[in-house]
């Protein structure tokens, strides 16, 4: 007899995404600024995006090249946002 987990993996991932979204919303609403905060928010965004790619797009068990391609795209977008923020400070 197989024991059913209390929370399904996709539900757990959704709850993590929800919690991280709430955290970044709170940071935005509180008006906290600075490169460290922006870096944290971008890293959180990159992590959340990778979770969506892995679990909700179903690419967790595909070749590393496909996952790497999407991770590279996400890294490029987050990097460009970070650079734009840094340039706006100067």
C-alpha atoms as a PDB file:
ATOM      1  CA  UNK A   1       0.000   0.000   0.000  1.00  0.00           C
ATOM      2  CA  UNK A   2       1.378   3.371  -1.026  1.00  0.00           C
ATOM      3  CA  UNK A   3       1.137   6.221   1.413  1.00  0.00           C
ATOM      4  CA  UNK A   4      -0.271   9.421  -0.087  1.00  0.00           C
ATOM      5  CA  UNK A   5       1.660  12.587   0.827  1.00  0.00           C
ATOM      6  CA  UNK A   6      -0.126  15.197   2.892  1.00  0.00           C
ATOM      7  CA  UNK A   7       0.544  17.913   0.307  1.00  0.00           C
ATOM      8  CA  UNK A   8       1.075  17.160  -3.362  1.00  0.00           C
ATOM      9  CA  UNK A   9       4.354  18.508  -4.820  1.00  0.00           C
ATOM     10  CA  UNK A  10       2.587  20.911  -7.201  1.00  0.00           C
ATOM     11  CA  UNK A  11       0.567  22.320  -4.291  1.00  0.00           C
ATOM     12  CA  UNK A  12       3.732  22.799  -2.247  1.00  0.00           C
ATOM     13  CA  UNK A  13       5.428  24.591  -5.148  1.00  0.00           C
ATOM     14  CA  UNK A  14       2.359  26.803  -5.564  1.00  0.00           C
ATOM     15  CA  UNK A  15       2.426  27.691  -1.851  1.00  0.00           C
ATOM     16  CA  UNK A  16       6.135  28.562  -2.071  1.00  0.00           C
ATOM     17  CA  UNK A  17       5.466  30.741  -5.114  1.00  0.00           C
ATOM     18  CA  UNK A  18       2.616  32.425  -3.279  1.00  0.00           C
ATOM     19  CA  UNK A  19       4.778  33.100  -0.202  1.00  0.00           C
ATOM     20  CA  UNK A  20       7.648  34.520  -2.269  1.00  0.00           C
ATOM     21  CA  UNK A  21       5.238  36.701  -4.227  1.00  0.00           C
ATOM     22  CA  UNK A  22       3.798  38.006  -0.963  1.00  0.00           C
ATOM     23  CA  UNK A  23       7.305  38.747   0.306  1.00  0.00           C
ATOM     24  CA  UNK A  24       8.266  40.705  -2.799  1.00  0.00           C
ATOM     25  CA  UNK A  25       4.941  42.548  -2.691  1.00  0.00           C
ATOM     26  CA  UNK A  26       5.624  43.513   0.918  1.00  0.00           C
ATOM     27  CA  UNK A  27       9.105  44.768  -0.016  1.00  0.00           C
ATOM     28  CA  UNK A  28       7.626  46.859  -2.816  1.00  0.00           C
ATOM     29  CA  UNK A  29       4.860  48.317  -0.664  1.00  0.00           C
ATOM     30  CA  UNK A  30       7.192  49.165   2.222  1.00  0.00           C
ATOM     31  CA  UNK A  31       9.378  51.281  -0.046  1.00  0.00           C
ATOM     32  CA  UNK A  32      12.645  49.558   0.837  1.00  0.00           C
ATOM     33  CA  UNK A  33      15.268  50.364  -1.789  1.00  0.00           C
ATOM     34  CA  UNK A  34      18.908  49.666  -2.519  1.00  0.00           C
ATOM     35  CA  UNK A  35      20.999  47.379  -4.649  1.00  0.00           C
ATOM     36  CA  UNK A  36      20.839  44.551  -2.105  1.00  0.00           C
ATOM     37  CA  UNK A  37      17.034  44.623  -2.070  1.00  0.00           C
ATOM     38  CA  UNK A  38      16.835  44.787  -5.860  1.00  0.00           C
ATOM     39  CA  UNK A  39      19.299  41.901  -6.078  1.00  0.00           C
ATOM     40  CA  UNK A  40      17.203  39.895  -3.633  1.00  0.00           C
ATOM     41  CA  UNK A  41      13.984  40.576  -5.541  1.00  0.00           C
ATOM     42  CA  UNK A  42      15.621  39.666  -8.866  1.00  0.00           C
ATOM     43  CA  UNK A  43      17.090  36.469  -7.389  1.00  0.00           C
ATOM     44  CA  UNK A  44      13.666  35.600  -5.986  1.00  0.00           C
ATOM     45  CA  UNK A  45      12.130  36.246  -9.398  1.00  0.00           C
ATOM     46  CA  UNK A  46      14.729  34.033 -11.054  1.00  0.00           C
ATOM     47  CA  UNK A  47      14.065  31.259  -8.518  1.00  0.00           C
ATOM     48  CA  UNK A  48      10.287  31.541  -8.948  1.00  0.00           C
ATOM     49  CA  UNK A  49      10.600  31.498 -12.736  1.00  0.00           C
ATOM     50  CA  UNK A  50      12.742  28.376 -12.613  1.00  0.00           C
ATOM     51  CA  UNK A  51      10.167  26.691 -10.383  1.00  0.00           C
ATOM     52  CA  UNK A  52       7.455  27.503 -12.932  1.00  0.00           C
ATOM     53  CA  UNK A  53       9.635  26.088 -15.717  1.00  0.00           C
ATOM     54  CA  UNK A  54      10.386  22.918 -13.756  1.00  0.00           C
ATOM     55  CA  UNK A  55       7.025  22.100 -12.252  1.00  0.00           C
ATOM     56  CA  UNK A  56       4.261  23.831 -14.185  1.00  0.00           C
ATOM     57  CA  UNK A  57       5.798  23.692 -17.654  1.00  0.00           C
ATOM     58  CA  UNK A  58       6.873  20.119 -16.910  1.00  0.00           C
ATOM     59  CA  UNK A  59      10.533  20.537 -17.862  1.00  0.00           C
ATOM     60  CA  UNK A  60      12.054  19.149 -14.678  1.00  0.00           C
ATOM     61  CA  UNK A  61      13.071  15.849 -16.293  1.00  0.00           C
ATOM     62  CA  UNK A  62      14.024  16.963 -19.799  1.00  0.00           C
ATOM     63  CA  UNK A  63      17.506  17.373 -21.197  1.00  0.00           C
ATOM     64  CA  UNK A  64      19.699  19.901 -19.448  1.00  0.00           C
ATOM     65  CA  UNK A  65      20.033  21.896 -22.656  1.00  0.00           C
ATOM     66  CA  UNK A  66      16.346  22.880 -22.642  1.00  0.00           C
ATOM     67  CA  UNK A  67      16.356  23.820 -18.985  1.00  0.00           C
ATOM     68  CA  UNK A  68      19.632  25.686 -19.490  1.00  0.00           C
ATOM     69  CA  UNK A  69      18.204  27.603 -22.426  1.00  0.00           C
ATOM     70  CA  UNK A  70      15.242  28.833 -20.394  1.00  0.00           C
ATOM     71  CA  UNK A  71      17.425  29.542 -17.349  1.00  0.00           C
ATOM     72  CA  UNK A  72      19.806  31.533 -19.548  1.00  0.00           C
ATOM     73  CA  UNK A  73      16.903  33.556 -20.922  1.00  0.00           C
ATOM     74  CA  UNK A  74      15.618  34.273 -17.413  1.00  0.00           C
ATOM     75  CA  UNK A  75      19.120  35.164 -16.238  1.00  0.00           C
ATOM     76  CA  UNK A  76      19.537  37.537 -19.180  1.00  0.00           C
ATOM     77  CA  UNK A  77      16.230  39.298 -18.490  1.00  0.00           C
ATOM     78  CA  UNK A  78      16.904  39.632 -14.750  1.00  0.00           C
ATOM     79  CA  UNK A  79      20.450  40.801 -15.476  1.00  0.00           C
ATOM     80  CA  UNK A  80      19.208  43.481 -17.859  1.00  0.00           C
ATOM     81  CA  UNK A  81      16.706  44.699 -15.265  1.00  0.00           C
ATOM     82  CA  UNK A  82      19.489  44.839 -12.681  1.00  0.00           C
ATOM     83  CA  UNK A  83      21.764  46.777 -15.018  1.00  0.00           C
ATOM     84  CA  UNK A  84      18.950  49.214 -15.870  1.00  0.00           C
ATOM     85  CA  UNK A  85      18.342  49.791 -12.160  1.00  0.00           C
ATOM     86  CA  UNK A  86      22.052  50.332 -11.527  1.00  0.00           C
ATOM     87  CA  UNK A  87      22.334  52.807 -14.415  1.00  0.00           C
ATOM     88  CA  UNK A  88      19.323  54.703 -13.116  1.00  0.00           C
ATOM     89  CA  UNK A  89      21.142  55.264  -9.796  1.00  0.00           C
ATOM     90  CA  UNK A  90      24.074  57.036 -11.440  1.00  0.00           C
END
